[in-house]
Amino acid sequence: GALLRPVELDAEAFAAARAQRLEGGRAEPTKKVLLDPDLADARSVADILSSCANVASRLDEAAGAVQAAGEALDGSGVRYLLSLSVDGSGDAKVAVVGDDDAFAAELCAQVAAAMLEANDD
């Protein structure tokens, strides 16, 4: 399986990616995705991110790496930022930033578990 470890989210990089997405005119309303039971069945990073809004991604084919970030809301409408990356050696990193650290950590662990399960196939 890939090595899964939480990392600090670069807020500036996320903001730049989100701004670029918004400039493209493809902004979507933020969707309620946190702690969705479907997340546990996600088969890939793409599956997880497909349920987020305002997703921005960057694929470095030469390095075999992918980075992506998206937004999600919890049940109370609080916004969280979700960042995922996989480097050339297959190490996967997931980070979640939001107002409730425990809630963010729970989502982080849930996403990591889904990524690990998908990687074991």
Protein backbone atom coordinates (compact mmCIF):
# COMPACT_ATOMS: atom_id res chain seq x y z
CA GLY A 1 0.00 0.00 0.00
CA ALA A 2 1.00 3.61 -0.39
CA LEU A 3 2.41 5.45 2.58
CA LEU A 4 -0.36 7.69 3.88
CA ARG A 5 0.59 10.57 6.11
CA PRO A 6 -1.15 13.87 6.87
CA VAL A 7 0.67 16.98 5.68
CA GLU A 8 0.13 20.68 6.22
CA LEU A 9 -2.00 22.26 3.51
CA ASP A 10 -0.37 25.19 1.69
CA ALA A 11 -3.18 27.72 2.00
CA GLU A 12 -1.68 30.06 -0.60
CA ALA A 13 -1.37 27.29 -3.17
CA PHE A 14 -4.96 26.25 -2.53
CA ALA A 15 -6.23 29.81 -2.83
CA ALA A 16 -4.39 30.24 -6.14
CA ALA A 17 -5.80 26.99 -7.48
CA ARG A 18 -9.31 27.95 -6.40
CA ALA A 19 -9.00 31.41 -7.97
CA GLN A 20 -7.86 29.84 -11.23
CA ARG A 21 -10.84 27.50 -11.14
CA LEU A 22 -13.24 30.38 -10.51
CA GLU A 23 -11.73 32.46 -13.33
CA GLY A 24 -12.51 29.57 -15.67
CA GLY A 25 -16.21 30.10 -15.01
CA ARG A 26 -16.71 26.51 -13.89
CA ALA A 27 -17.33 27.16 -10.22
CA GLU A 28 -19.87 24.84 -8.66
CA PRO A 29 -21.82 25.25 -5.43
CA THR A 30 -19.99 23.54 -2.61
CA LYS A 31 -21.48 20.12 -2.02
CA LYS A 32 -22.13 18.32 1.25
CA VAL A 33 -19.64 15.48 1.08
CA LEU A 34 -17.93 15.18 4.44
CA LEU A 35 -18.45 11.88 6.25
CA ASP A 36 -20.61 10.66 3.37
CA PRO A 37 -20.95 6.86 3.59
CA ASP A 38 -20.06 6.68 -0.10
CA LEU A 39 -16.59 7.98 0.75
CA ALA A 40 -15.69 4.66 2.35
CA ASP A 41 -16.32 2.98 -1.00
CA ALA A 42 -14.24 5.44 -3.03
CA ARG A 43 -11.88 3.54 -5.31
CA SER A 44 -9.42 6.29 -6.14
CA VAL A 45 -8.30 9.83 -5.45
CA ALA A 46 -10.36 10.88 -8.47
CA ASP A 47 -13.48 9.28 -6.99
CA ILE A 48 -13.01 11.18 -3.74
CA LEU A 49 -12.37 14.51 -5.44
CA SER A 50 -15.30 14.07 -7.83
CA SER A 51 -17.64 14.67 -4.88
CA CYS A 52 -15.92 17.93 -3.91
CA ALA A 53 -16.58 21.37 -5.36
CA ASN A 54 -14.14 23.82 -6.94
CA VAL A 55 -11.60 21.09 -7.55
CA ALA A 56 -8.27 22.12 -9.00
CA SER A 57 -5.69 19.54 -9.97
CA ARG A 58 -2.22 19.42 -11.48
CA LEU A 59 -0.73 16.32 -13.08
CA ASP A 60 3.02 16.08 -13.61
CA GLU A 61 3.30 13.20 -16.07
CA ALA A 62 7.10 13.31 -16.15
CA ALA A 63 7.29 12.80 -12.39
CA GLY A 64 4.21 10.58 -12.25
CA ALA A 65 2.73 12.85 -9.60
CA VAL A 66 -0.69 14.35 -9.09
CA GLN A 67 -1.88 17.09 -6.75
CA ALA A 68 -5.47 18.14 -6.22
CA ALA A 69 -7.56 20.19 -3.83
CA GLY A 70 -11.28 20.64 -3.33
CA GLU A 71 -13.85 22.14 -1.00
CA ALA A 72 -16.48 20.40 1.08
CA LEU A 73 -19.09 21.34 3.67
CA ASP A 74 -19.98 19.55 6.85
CA GLY A 75 -23.57 19.15 8.01
CA SER A 76 -23.58 22.63 9.58
CA GLY A 77 -22.37 24.34 6.43
CA VAL A 78 -18.81 24.83 7.69
CA ARG A 79 -16.33 24.79 4.80
CA TYR A 80 -13.31 22.51 4.80
CA LEU A 81 -10.41 22.36 2.37
CA LEU A 82 -9.30 18.91 1.22
CA SER A 83 -5.88 18.43 -0.37
CA LEU A 84 -4.61 15.20 -1.90
CA SER A 85 -1.29 14.40 -3.55
CA VAL A 86 0.47 11.31 -4.84
CA ASP A 87 4.16 11.54 -5.70
CA GLY A 88 6.19 9.65 -8.27
CA SER A 89 7.01 6.82 -5.87
CA GLY A 90 3.34 6.28 -5.03
CA ASP A 91 3.36 7.94 -1.61
CA ALA A 92 -0.06 9.45 -1.01
CA LYS A 93 -0.68 12.45 1.24
CA VAL A 94 -3.99 13.82 2.42
CA ALA A 95 -4.66 16.99 4.39
CA VAL A 96 -7.88 18.54 5.65
CA VAL A 97 -8.14 22.04 7.09
CA GLY A 98 -11.26 23.36 8.80
CA ASP A 99 -12.66 24.93 11.96
CA ASP A 100 -13.11 21.63 13.81
CA ASP A 101 -9.73 19.89 14.09
CA ALA A 102 -11.24 16.62 15.31
CA PHE A 103 -13.74 16.58 12.45
CA ALA A 104 -10.99 17.38 9.94
CA ALA A 105 -8.81 14.61 11.36
CA GLU A 106 -11.68 12.13 11.09
CA LEU A 107 -12.23 13.03 7.43
CA CYS A 108 -8.48 12.87 6.82
CA ALA A 109 -8.37 9.32 8.22
CA GLN A 110 -11.44 8.31 6.23
CA VAL A 111 -9.98 9.57 2.94
CA ALA A 112 -6.64 7.92 3.72
CA ALA A 113 -8.37 4.60 4.37
CA ALA A 114 -10.25 4.84 1.07
CA MET A 115 -7.02 5.62 -0.78
CA LEU A 116 -5.23 2.73 0.90
CA GLU A 117 -8.05 0.32 0.06
CA ALA A 118 -8.05 1.44 -3.57
CA ASN A 119 -4.27 1.04 -3.71
CA ASP A 120 -4.42 -2.56 -2.47
CA ASP A 121 -6.25 -3.79 -5.57
